[in-house]
Full PDB file with SEQRES, HELIX, SHEET, SSBOND, CRYST1, ORIGX, SCALE, CONECT and MASTER records, all heavy atoms in Angstrom:
SEQRES   1 A   37  ARG VAL LEU GLU SER ASN GLY GLU ASP PRO HIS LEU ASN          
SEQRES   2 A   37  THR ILE MET THR LYS ALA TYR VAL GLU GLY TYR GLN GLY          
SEQRES   3 A   37  ASP GLY LEU THR ASN LYS GLN ASN ILE ALA ALA                  
HELIX    1 AA1 VAL A    2  GLU A    4  5                                   3    
HELIX    2 AA2 PRO A   10  GLN A   25  1                                  16    
CRYST1    1.000    1.000    1.000  90.00  90.00  90.00 P 1           1          
ORIGX1      1.000000  0.000000  0.000000        0.00000                         
ORIGX2      0.000000  1.000000  0.000000        0.00000                         
ORIGX3      0.000000  0.000000  1.000000        0.00000                         
SCALE1      1.000000  0.000000  0.000000        0.00000                         
SCALE2      0.000000  1.000000  0.000000        0.00000                         
SCALE3      0.000000  0.000000  1.000000        0.00000                         
ATOM      1  N   ARG A   1    -117.301  49.295 222.495  1.00  0.00           N  
ATOM      2  CA  ARG A   1    -117.242  48.268 223.535  1.00  0.00           C  
ATOM      3  C   ARG A   1    -118.623  47.784 223.971  1.00  0.00           C  
ATOM      4  O   ARG A   1    -118.724  46.981 224.899  1.00  0.00           O  
ATOM      5  CB  ARG A   1    -116.421  48.778 224.728  1.00  0.00           C  
ATOM      6  CG  ARG A   1    -115.009  49.115 224.320  1.00  0.00           C  
ATOM      7  CD  ARG A   1    -114.067  49.273 225.481  1.00  0.00           C  
ATOM      8  NE  ARG A   1    -113.620  47.995 225.987  1.00  0.00           N  
ATOM      9  CZ  ARG A   1    -112.545  47.850 226.780  1.00  0.00           C  
ATOM     10  NH1 ARG A   1    -111.835  48.902 227.134  1.00  0.00           N  
ATOM     11  NH2 ARG A   1    -112.195  46.669 227.219  1.00  0.00           N  
ATOM     12  N   VAL A   2    -119.657  48.247 223.285  1.00  0.00           N  
ATOM     13  CA  VAL A   2    -120.972  47.640 223.482  1.00  0.00           C  
ATOM     14  C   VAL A   2    -120.882  46.142 223.194  1.00  0.00           C  
ATOM     15  O   VAL A   2    -121.630  45.335 223.752  1.00  0.00           O  
ATOM     16  CB  VAL A   2    -122.034  48.324 222.595  1.00  0.00           C  
ATOM     17  CG1 VAL A   2    -121.766  48.094 221.130  1.00  0.00           C  
ATOM     18  CG2 VAL A   2    -123.430  47.856 222.942  1.00  0.00           C  
ATOM     19  N   LEU A   3    -119.951  45.765 222.329  1.00  0.00           N  
ATOM     20  CA  LEU A   3    -119.700  44.360 221.985  1.00  0.00           C  
ATOM     21  C   LEU A   3    -119.445  43.497 223.208  1.00  0.00           C  
ATOM     22  O   LEU A   3    -119.831  42.328 223.254  1.00  0.00           O  
ATOM     23  CB  LEU A   3    -118.507  44.312 221.031  1.00  0.00           C  
ATOM     24  CG  LEU A   3    -117.834  43.007 220.652  1.00  0.00           C  
ATOM     25  CD1 LEU A   3    -117.264  43.123 219.244  1.00  0.00           C  
ATOM     26  CD2 LEU A   3    -116.687  42.663 221.612  1.00  0.00           C  
ATOM     27  N   GLU A   4    -118.768  44.060 224.222  1.00  0.00           N  
ATOM     28  CA  GLU A   4    -118.391  43.302 225.418  1.00  0.00           C  
ATOM     29  C   GLU A   4    -119.468  43.307 226.496  1.00  0.00           C  
ATOM     30  O   GLU A   4    -119.289  42.683 227.544  1.00  0.00           O  
ATOM     31  CB  GLU A   4    -117.128  43.898 226.040  1.00  0.00           C  
ATOM     32  CG  GLU A   4    -115.858  43.700 225.266  1.00  0.00           C  
ATOM     33  CD  GLU A   4    -114.689  44.336 225.990  1.00  0.00           C  
ATOM     34  OE1 GLU A   4    -114.315  43.838 227.071  1.00  0.00           O  
ATOM     35  OE2 GLU A   4    -114.160  45.342 225.490  1.00  0.00           O  
ATOM     36  N   SER A   5    -120.552  44.019 226.253  1.00  0.00           N  
ATOM     37  CA  SER A   5    -121.528  44.256 227.308  1.00  0.00           C  
ATOM     38  C   SER A   5    -122.674  43.262 227.275  1.00  0.00           C  
ATOM     39  O   SER A   5    -122.812  42.457 226.354  1.00  0.00           O  
ATOM     40  CB  SER A   5    -122.090  45.679 227.182  1.00  0.00           C  
ATOM     41  OG  SER A   5    -123.073  45.736 226.155  1.00  0.00           O  
ATOM     42  N   ASN A   6    -123.526  43.370 228.289  1.00  0.00           N  
ATOM     43  CA  ASN A   6    -124.775  42.610 228.348  1.00  0.00           C  
ATOM     44  C   ASN A   6    -125.968  43.460 227.922  1.00  0.00           C  
ATOM     45  O   ASN A   6    -127.116  43.057 228.110  1.00  0.00           O  
ATOM     46  CB  ASN A   6    -125.001  42.086 229.770  1.00  0.00           C  
ATOM     47  CG  ASN A   6    -123.941  41.090 230.179  1.00  0.00           C  
ATOM     48  OD1 ASN A   6    -123.653  40.142 229.459  1.00  0.00           O  
ATOM     49  ND2 ASN A   6    -123.322  41.310 231.336  1.00  0.00           N  
ATOM     50  N   GLY A   7    -125.694  44.646 227.376  1.00  0.00           N  
ATOM     51  CA  GLY A   7    -126.771  45.449 226.827  1.00  0.00           C  
ATOM     52  C   GLY A   7    -127.273  46.550 227.734  1.00  0.00           C  
ATOM     53  O   GLY A   7    -126.560  47.054 228.602  1.00  0.00           O  
ATOM     54  N   GLU A   8    -128.551  46.909 227.541  1.00  0.00           N  
ATOM     55  CA  GLU A   8    -129.110  48.149 228.082  1.00  0.00           C  
ATOM     56  C   GLU A   8    -129.882  48.008 229.379  1.00  0.00           C  
ATOM     57  O   GLU A   8    -130.278  49.014 229.962  1.00  0.00           O  
ATOM     58  CB  GLU A   8    -130.029  48.782 227.037  1.00  0.00           C  
ATOM     59  CG  GLU A   8    -131.332  48.032 226.809  1.00  0.00           C  
ATOM     60  CD  GLU A   8    -132.167  48.618 225.684  1.00  0.00           C  
ATOM     61  OE1 GLU A   8    -131.612  48.857 224.594  1.00  0.00           O  
ATOM     62  OE2 GLU A   8    -133.371  48.836 225.891  1.00  0.00           O  
ATOM     63  N   ASP A   9    -130.114  46.786 229.845  1.00  0.00           N  
ATOM     64  CA  ASP A   9    -131.004  46.612 230.997  1.00  0.00           C  
ATOM     65  C   ASP A   9    -130.223  46.259 232.261  1.00  0.00           C  
ATOM     66  O   ASP A   9    -129.457  45.289 232.273  1.00  0.00           O  
ATOM     67  CB  ASP A   9    -132.020  45.507 230.710  1.00  0.00           C  
ATOM     68  CG  ASP A   9    -132.979  45.340 231.870  1.00  0.00           C  
ATOM     69  OD1 ASP A   9    -133.892  46.164 232.001  1.00  0.00           O  
ATOM     70  OD2 ASP A   9    -132.797  44.390 232.660  1.00  0.00           O  
ATOM     71  N   PRO A  10    -130.410  47.003 233.367  1.00  0.00           N  
ATOM     72  CA  PRO A  10    -129.670  46.724 234.598  1.00  0.00           C  
ATOM     73  C   PRO A  10    -129.917  45.327 235.165  1.00  0.00           C  
ATOM     74  O   PRO A  10    -128.987  44.693 235.676  1.00  0.00           O  
ATOM     75  CB  PRO A  10    -130.162  47.807 235.565  1.00  0.00           C  
ATOM     76  CG  PRO A  10    -130.631  48.915 234.691  1.00  0.00           C  
ATOM     77  CD  PRO A  10    -131.209  48.244 233.484  1.00  0.00           C  
ATOM     78  N   HIS A  11    -131.158  44.843 235.090  1.00  0.00           N  
ATOM     79  CA  HIS A  11    -131.463  43.525 235.654  1.00  0.00           C  
ATOM     80  C   HIS A  11    -130.762  42.418 234.865  1.00  0.00           C  
ATOM     81  O   HIS A  11    -130.097  41.548 235.445  1.00  0.00           O  
ATOM     82  CB  HIS A  11    -132.972  43.298 235.657  1.00  0.00           C  
ATOM     83  CG  HIS A  11    -133.388  41.949 236.155  1.00  0.00           C  
ATOM     84  ND1 HIS A  11    -133.155  41.528 237.448  1.00  0.00           N  
ATOM     85  CD2 HIS A  11    -134.007  40.902 235.535  1.00  0.00           C  
ATOM     86  CE1 HIS A  11    -133.618  40.295 237.605  1.00  0.00           C  
ATOM     87  NE2 HIS A  11    -134.123  39.897 236.454  1.00  0.00           N  
ATOM     88  N   LEU A  12    -130.877  42.450 233.556  1.00  0.00           N  
ATOM     89  CA  LEU A  12    -130.209  41.446 232.723  1.00  0.00           C  
ATOM     90  C   LEU A  12    -128.699  41.532 232.896  1.00  0.00           C  
ATOM     91  O   LEU A  12    -128.012  40.511 233.029  1.00  0.00           O  
ATOM     92  CB  LEU A  12    -130.586  41.648 231.255  1.00  0.00           C  
ATOM     93  CG  LEU A  12    -129.953  40.679 230.251  1.00  0.00           C  
ATOM     94  CD1 LEU A  12    -130.410  39.255 230.488  1.00  0.00           C  
ATOM     95  CD2 LEU A  12    -130.274  41.111 228.814  1.00  0.00           C  
ATOM     96  N   ASN A  13    -128.166  42.742 232.926  1.00  0.00           N  
ATOM     97  CA  ASN A  13    -126.730  42.946 233.099  1.00  0.00           C  
ATOM     98  C   ASN A  13    -126.248  42.357 234.416  1.00  0.00           C  
ATOM     99  O   ASN A  13    -125.192  41.705 234.485  1.00  0.00           O  
ATOM    100  CB  ASN A  13    -126.417  44.444 233.047  1.00  0.00           C  
ATOM    101  CG  ASN A  13    -124.932  44.736 233.084  1.00  0.00           C  
ATOM    102  OD1 ASN A  13    -124.110  43.963 232.606  1.00  0.00           O  
ATOM    103  ND2 ASN A  13    -124.574  45.874 233.653  1.00  0.00           N  
ATOM    104  N   THR A  14    -127.024  42.549 235.464  1.00  0.00           N  
ATOM    105  CA  THR A  14    -126.630  42.088 236.800  1.00  0.00           C  
ATOM    106  C   THR A  14    -126.530  40.572 236.869  1.00  0.00           C  
ATOM    107  O   THR A  14    -125.521  40.019 237.330  1.00  0.00           O  
ATOM    108  CB  THR A  14    -127.633  42.605 237.844  1.00  0.00           C  
ATOM    109  OG1 THR A  14    -127.550  44.035 237.890  1.00  0.00           O  
ATOM    110  CG2 THR A  14    -127.337  42.044 239.218  1.00  0.00           C  
ATOM    111  N   ILE A  15    -127.544  39.879 236.389  1.00  0.00           N  
ATOM    112  CA  ILE A  15    -127.528  38.428 236.550  1.00  0.00           C  
ATOM    113  C   ILE A  15    -126.594  37.752 235.542  1.00  0.00           C  
ATOM    114  O   ILE A  15    -126.025  36.701 235.839  1.00  0.00           O  
ATOM    115  CB  ILE A  15    -128.946  37.833 236.483  1.00  0.00           C  
ATOM    116  CG1 ILE A  15    -129.635  38.166 235.173  1.00  0.00           C  
ATOM    117  CG2 ILE A  15    -129.792  38.316 237.642  1.00  0.00           C  
ATOM    118  CD1 ILE A  15    -131.024  37.600 235.095  1.00  0.00           C  
ATOM    119  N   MET A  16    -126.391  38.369 234.380  1.00  0.00           N  
ATOM    120  CA  MET A  16    -125.418  37.828 233.434  1.00  0.00           C  
ATOM    121  C   MET A  16    -123.998  37.991 233.974  1.00  0.00           C  
ATOM    122  O   MET A  16    -123.162  37.088 233.847  1.00  0.00           O  
ATOM    123  CB  MET A  16    -125.542  38.529 232.081  1.00  0.00           C  
ATOM    124  CG  MET A  16    -126.767  38.138 231.282  1.00  0.00           C  
ATOM    125  SD  MET A  16    -126.706  36.410 230.766  1.00  0.00           S  
ATOM    126  CE  MET A  16    -128.198  36.283 229.788  1.00  0.00           C  
ATOM    127  N   THR A  17    -123.702  39.139 234.572  1.00  0.00           N  
ATOM    128  CA  THR A  17    -122.379  39.371 235.158  1.00  0.00           C  
ATOM    129  C   THR A  17    -122.071  38.328 236.223  1.00  0.00           C  
ATOM    130  O   THR A  17    -120.963  37.771 236.275  1.00  0.00           O  
ATOM    131  CB  THR A  17    -122.311  40.786 235.762  1.00  0.00           C  
ATOM    132  OG1 THR A  17    -122.513  41.757 234.727  1.00  0.00           O  
ATOM    133  CG2 THR A  17    -120.973  41.037 236.414  1.00  0.00           C  
ATOM    134  N   LYS A  18    -123.034  38.046 237.052  1.00  0.00           N  
ATOM    135  CA  LYS A  18    -122.863  37.019 238.081  1.00  0.00           C  
ATOM    136  C   LYS A  18    -122.574  35.657 237.462  1.00  0.00           C  
ATOM    137  O   LYS A  18    -121.703  34.916 237.928  1.00  0.00           O  
ATOM    138  CB  LYS A  18    -124.129  36.939 238.945  1.00  0.00           C  
ATOM    139  CG  LYS A  18    -124.075  35.864 240.015  1.00  0.00           C  
ATOM    140  CD  LYS A  18    -125.395  35.797 240.780  1.00  0.00           C  
ATOM    141  CE  LYS A  18    -125.355  34.680 241.818  1.00  0.00           C  
ATOM    142  NZ  LYS A  18    -126.663  34.544 242.510  1.00  0.00           N  
ATOM    143  N   ALA A  19    -123.266  35.326 236.374  1.00  0.00           N  
ATOM    144  CA  ALA A  19    -123.082  34.034 235.713  1.00  0.00           C  
ATOM    145  C   ALA A  19    -121.654  33.880 235.192  1.00  0.00           C  
ATOM    146  O   ALA A  19    -121.063  32.787 235.268  1.00  0.00           O  
ATOM    147  CB  ALA A  19    -124.092  33.875 234.578  1.00  0.00           C  
ATOM    148  N   TYR A  20    -121.083  34.949 234.647  1.00  0.00           N  
ATOM    149  CA  TYR A  20    -119.699  34.889 234.180  1.00  0.00           C  
ATOM    150  C   TYR A  20    -118.748  34.542 235.323  1.00  0.00           C  
ATOM    151  O   TYR A  20    -117.887  33.663 235.187  1.00  0.00           O  
ATOM    152  CB  TYR A  20    -119.277  36.232 233.586  1.00  0.00           C  
ATOM    153  CG  TYR A  20    -119.654  36.455 232.143  1.00  0.00           C  
ATOM    154  CD1 TYR A  20    -120.777  37.203 231.802  1.00  0.00           C  
ATOM    155  CD2 TYR A  20    -118.877  35.945 231.108  1.00  0.00           C  
ATOM    156  CE1 TYR A  20    -121.120  37.439 230.474  1.00  0.00           C  
ATOM    157  CE2 TYR A  20    -119.212  36.175 229.781  1.00  0.00           C  
ATOM    158  CZ  TYR A  20    -120.333  36.919 229.467  1.00  0.00           C  
ATOM    159  OH  TYR A  20    -120.670  37.143 228.153  1.00  0.00           O  
ATOM    160  N   VAL A  21    -118.885  35.252 236.433  1.00  0.00           N  
ATOM    161  CA  VAL A  21    -117.991  35.021 237.572  1.00  0.00           C  
ATOM    162  C   VAL A  21    -118.107  33.579 238.056  1.00  0.00           C  
ATOM    163  O   VAL A  21    -117.099  32.901 238.299  1.00  0.00           O  
ATOM    164  CB  VAL A  21    -118.293  36.008 238.714  1.00  0.00           C  
ATOM    165  CG1 VAL A  21    -117.450  35.678 239.948  1.00  0.00           C  
ATOM    166  CG2 VAL A  21    -118.037  37.443 238.259  1.00  0.00           C  
ATOM    167  N   GLU A  22    -119.324  33.104 238.182  1.00  0.00           N  
ATOM    168  CA  GLU A  22    -119.535  31.728 238.639  1.00  0.00           C  
ATOM    169  C   GLU A  22    -118.954  30.720 237.650  1.00  0.00           C  
ATOM    170  O   GLU A  22    -118.449  29.669 238.055  1.00  0.00           O  
ATOM    171  CB  GLU A  22    -121.023  31.473 238.842  1.00  0.00           C  
ATOM    172  CG  GLU A  22    -121.616  32.253 240.000  1.00  0.00           C  
ATOM    173  CD  GLU A  22    -123.120  32.103 240.108  1.00  0.00           C  
ATOM    174  OE1 GLU A  22    -123.762  31.653 239.134  1.00  0.00           O  
ATOM    175  OE2 GLU A  22    -123.671  32.440 241.186  1.00  0.00           O  
ATOM    176  N   GLY A  23    -119.016  31.030 236.365  1.00  0.00           N  
ATOM    177  CA  GLY A  23    -118.458  30.131 235.364  1.00  0.00           C  
ATOM    178  C   GLY A  23    -116.947  30.086 235.388  1.00  0.00           C  
ATOM    179  O   GLY A  23    -116.342  29.006 235.321  1.00  0.00           O  
ATOM    180  N   TYR A  24    -116.304  31.239 235.476  1.00  0.00           N  
ATOM    181  CA  TYR A  24    -114.845  31.286 235.494  1.00  0.00           C  
ATOM    182  C   TYR A  24    -114.269  30.649 236.758  1.00  0.00           C  
ATOM    183  O   TYR A  24    -113.307  29.887 236.699  1.00  0.00           O  
ATOM    184  CB  TYR A  24    -114.349  32.736 235.423  1.00  0.00           C  
ATOM    185  CG  TYR A  24    -114.566  33.433 234.108  1.00  0.00           C  
ATOM    186  CD1 TYR A  24    -115.131  34.717 234.071  1.00  0.00           C  
ATOM    187  CD2 TYR A  24    -114.196  32.849 232.898  1.00  0.00           C  
ATOM    188  CE1 TYR A  24    -115.323  35.383 232.866  1.00  0.00           C  
ATOM    189  CE2 TYR A  24    -114.388  33.504 231.689  1.00  0.00           C  
ATOM    190  CZ  TYR A  24    -114.954  34.768 231.686  1.00  0.00           C  
ATOM    191  OH  TYR A  24    -115.145  35.425 230.499  1.00  0.00           O  
ATOM    192  N   GLN A  25    -114.845  30.998 237.907  1.00  0.00           N  
ATOM    193  CA  GLN A  25    -114.258  30.592 239.189  1.00  0.00           C  
ATOM    194  C   GLN A  25    -114.787  29.262 239.692  1.00  0.00           C  
ATOM    195  O   GLN A  25    -114.164  28.643 240.558  1.00  0.00           O  
ATOM    196  CB  GLN A  25    -114.460  31.711 240.219  1.00  0.00           C  
ATOM    197  CG  GLN A  25    -113.773  33.002 239.790  1.00  0.00           C  
ATOM    198  CD  GLN A  25    -113.760  34.094 240.847  1.00  0.00           C  
ATOM    199  OE1 GLN A  25    -113.101  35.098 240.677  1.00  0.00           O  
ATOM    200  NE2 GLN A  25    -114.475  33.928 241.943  1.00  0.00           N  
ATOM    201  N   GLY A  26    -115.909  28.808 239.159  1.00  0.00           N  
ATOM    202  CA  GLY A  26    -116.414  27.468 239.436  1.00  0.00           C  
ATOM    203  C   GLY A  26    -116.464  27.126 240.903  1.00  0.00           C  
ATOM    204  O   GLY A  26    -116.957  27.892 241.738  1.00  0.00           O  
ATOM    205  N   ASP A  27    -115.913  25.961 241.229  1.00  0.00           N  
ATOM    206  CA  ASP A  27    -115.926  25.482 242.616  1.00  0.00           C  
ATOM    207  C   ASP A  27    -114.744  25.988 243.429  1.00  0.00           C  
ATOM    208  O   ASP A  27    -114.462  25.485 244.518  1.00  0.00           O  
ATOM    209  CB  ASP A  27    -115.979  23.954 242.652  1.00  0.00           C  
ATOM    210  CG  ASP A  27    -114.863  23.312 241.826  1.00  0.00           C  
ATOM    211  OD1 ASP A  27    -114.082  24.051 241.194  1.00  0.00           O  
ATOM    212  OD2 ASP A  27    -114.781  22.072 241.813  1.00  0.00           O  
ATOM    213  N   GLY A  28    -114.041  26.973 242.906  1.00  0.00           N  
ATOM    214  CA  GLY A  28    -112.952  27.574 243.656  1.00  0.00           C  
ATOM    215  C   GLY A  28    -111.631  27.503 242.915  1.00  0.00           C  
ATOM    216  O   GLY A  28    -111.441  26.707 241.995  1.00  0.00           O  
ATOM    217  N   LEU A  29    -110.698  28.357 243.332  1.00  0.00           N  
ATOM    218  CA  LEU A  29    -109.427  28.463 242.623  1.00  0.00           C  
ATOM    219  C   LEU A  29    -108.451  27.363 242.982  1.00  0.00           C  
ATOM    220  O   LEU A  29    -107.385  27.254 242.358  1.00  0.00           O  
ATOM    221  CB  LEU A  29    -108.807  29.836 242.887  1.00  0.00           C  
ATOM    222  CG  LEU A  29    -109.644  31.027 242.411  1.00  0.00           C  
ATOM    223  CD1 LEU A  29    -108.906  32.337 242.649  1.00  0.00           C  
ATOM    224  CD2 LEU A  29    -110.010  30.892 240.938  1.00  0.00           C  
ATOM    225  N   THR A  30    -108.780  26.531 243.965  1.00  0.00           N  
ATOM    226  CA  THR A  30    -107.935  25.362 244.225  1.00  0.00           C  
ATOM    227  C   THR A  30    -108.043  24.362 243.082  1.00  0.00           C  
ATOM    228  O   THR A  30    -107.146  23.542 242.882  1.00  0.00           O  
ATOM    229  CB  THR A  30    -108.327  24.684 245.548  1.00  0.00           C  
ATOM    230  OG1 THR A  30    -109.731  24.382 245.519  1.00  0.00           O  
ATOM    231  CG2 THR A  30    -108.028  25.587 246.732  1.00  0.00           C  
ATOM    232  N   ASN A  31    -109.149  24.433 242.345  1.00  0.00           N  
ATOM    233  CA  ASN A  31    -109.291  23.650 241.123  1.00  0.00           C  
ATOM    234  C   ASN A  31    -108.494  24.365 240.035  1.00  0.00           C  
ATOM    235  O   ASN A  31    -108.819  25.480 239.642  1.00  0.00           O  
ATOM    236  CB  ASN A  31    -110.760  23.545 240.729  1.00  0.00           C  
ATOM    237  CG  ASN A  31    -110.996  22.694 239.500  1.00  0.00           C  
ATOM    238  OD1 ASN A  31    -110.106  22.499 238.673  1.00  0.00           O  
ATOM    239  ND2 ASN A  31    -112.204  22.173 239.362  1.00  0.00           N  
ATOM    240  N   LYS A  32    -107.451  23.711 239.547  1.00  0.00           N  
ATOM    241  CA  LYS A  32    -106.524  24.363 238.626  1.00  0.00           C  
ATOM    242  C   LYS A  32    -107.097  24.576 237.231  1.00  0.00           C  
ATOM    243  O   LYS A  32    -106.441  25.183 236.380  1.00  0.00           O  
ATOM    244  CB  LYS A  32    -105.225  23.562 238.552  1.00  0.00           C  
ATOM    245  CG  LYS A  32    -104.477  23.534 239.885  1.00  0.00           C  
ATOM    246  CD  LYS A  32    -103.240  22.658 239.844  1.00  0.00           C  
ATOM    247  CE  LYS A  32    -102.567  22.619 241.213  1.00  0.00           C  
ATOM    248  NZ  LYS A  32    -101.371  21.750 241.218  1.00  0.00           N  
ATOM    249  N   GLN A  33    -108.322  24.113 236.987  1.00  0.00           N  
ATOM    250  CA  GLN A  33    -108.979  24.386 235.715  1.00  0.00           C  
ATOM    251  C   GLN A  33    -109.913  25.588 235.802  1.00  0.00           C  
ATOM    252  O   GLN A  33    -110.560  25.934 234.812  1.00  0.00           O  
ATOM    253  CB  GLN A  33    -109.748  23.148 235.247  1.00  0.00           C  
ATOM    254  CG  GLN A  33    -108.833  21.999 234.828  1.00  0.00           C  
ATOM    255  CD  GLN A  33    -109.604  20.858 234.206  1.00  0.00           C  
ATOM    256  OE1 GLN A  33    -110.612  20.409 234.755  1.00  0.00           O  
ATOM    257  NE2 GLN A  33    -109.147  20.371 233.068  1.00  0.00           N  
ATOM    258  N   ASN A  34    -109.966  26.217 236.958  1.00  0.00           N  
ATOM    259  CA  ASN A  34    -110.723  27.456 237.130  1.00  0.00           C  
ATOM    260  C   ASN A  34    -109.760  28.635 237.143  1.00  0.00           C  
ATOM    261  O   ASN A  34    -108.584  28.490 237.494  1.00  0.00           O  
ATOM    262  CB  ASN A  34    -111.519  27.442 238.431  1.00  0.00           C  
ATOM    263  CG  ASN A  34    -112.583  26.357 238.449  1.00  0.00           C  
ATOM    264  OD1 ASN A  34    -113.088  25.961 237.404  1.00  0.00           O  
ATOM    265  ND2 ASN A  34    -112.935  25.868 239.628  1.00  0.00           N  
ATOM    266  N   ILE A  35    -110.250  29.802 236.765  1.00  0.00           N  
ATOM    267  CA  ILE A  35    -109.438  31.010 236.800  1.00  0.00           C  
ATOM    268  C   ILE A  35    -110.203  32.113 237.526  1.00  0.00           C  
ATOM    269  O   ILE A  35    -111.424  32.067 237.640  1.00  0.00           O  
ATOM    270  CB  ILE A  35    -109.044  31.480 235.384  1.00  0.00           C  
ATOM    271  CG1 ILE A  35    -110.274  31.783 234.517  1.00  0.00           C  
ATOM    272  CG2 ILE A  35    -108.157  30.440 234.705  1.00  0.00           C  
ATOM    273  CD1 ILE A  35    -109.931  32.287 233.121  1.00  0.00           C  
ATOM    274  N   ALA A  36    -109.453  33.099 238.014  1.00  0.00           N  
ATOM    275  CA  ALA A  36    -110.060  34.201 238.762  1.00  0.00           C  
ATOM    276  C   ALA A  36    -110.656  35.224 237.800  1.00  0.00           C  
ATOM    277  O   ALA A  36    -110.118  35.474 236.725  1.00  0.00           O  
ATOM    278  CB  ALA A  36    -109.023  34.863 239.661  1.00  0.00           C  
ATOM    279  N   ALA A  37    -111.766  35.819 238.214  1.00  0.00           N  
ATOM    280  CA  ALA A  37    -112.448  36.829 237.408  1.00  0.00           C  
ATOM    281  C   ALA A  37    -112.071  38.222 237.886  1.00  0.00           C  
ATOM    282  O   ALA A  37    -112.048  38.501 239.088  1.00  0.00           O  
ATOM    283  CB  ALA A  37    -113.960  36.646 237.491  1.00  0.00           C  
TER     284      ALA A  37                                                      
MASTER        0    0    0    2    0    0    0    6  283    1    0    3          
END                                                                             
């Protein structure tokens, strides 16, 4: 499952994880083209 990860560094992992959430949820779930993370 290293395949699903952002790798070995806590800083890179932290900001990449945030980017995913912001991408999925976008401007909010009232927008029906966004999904919850």
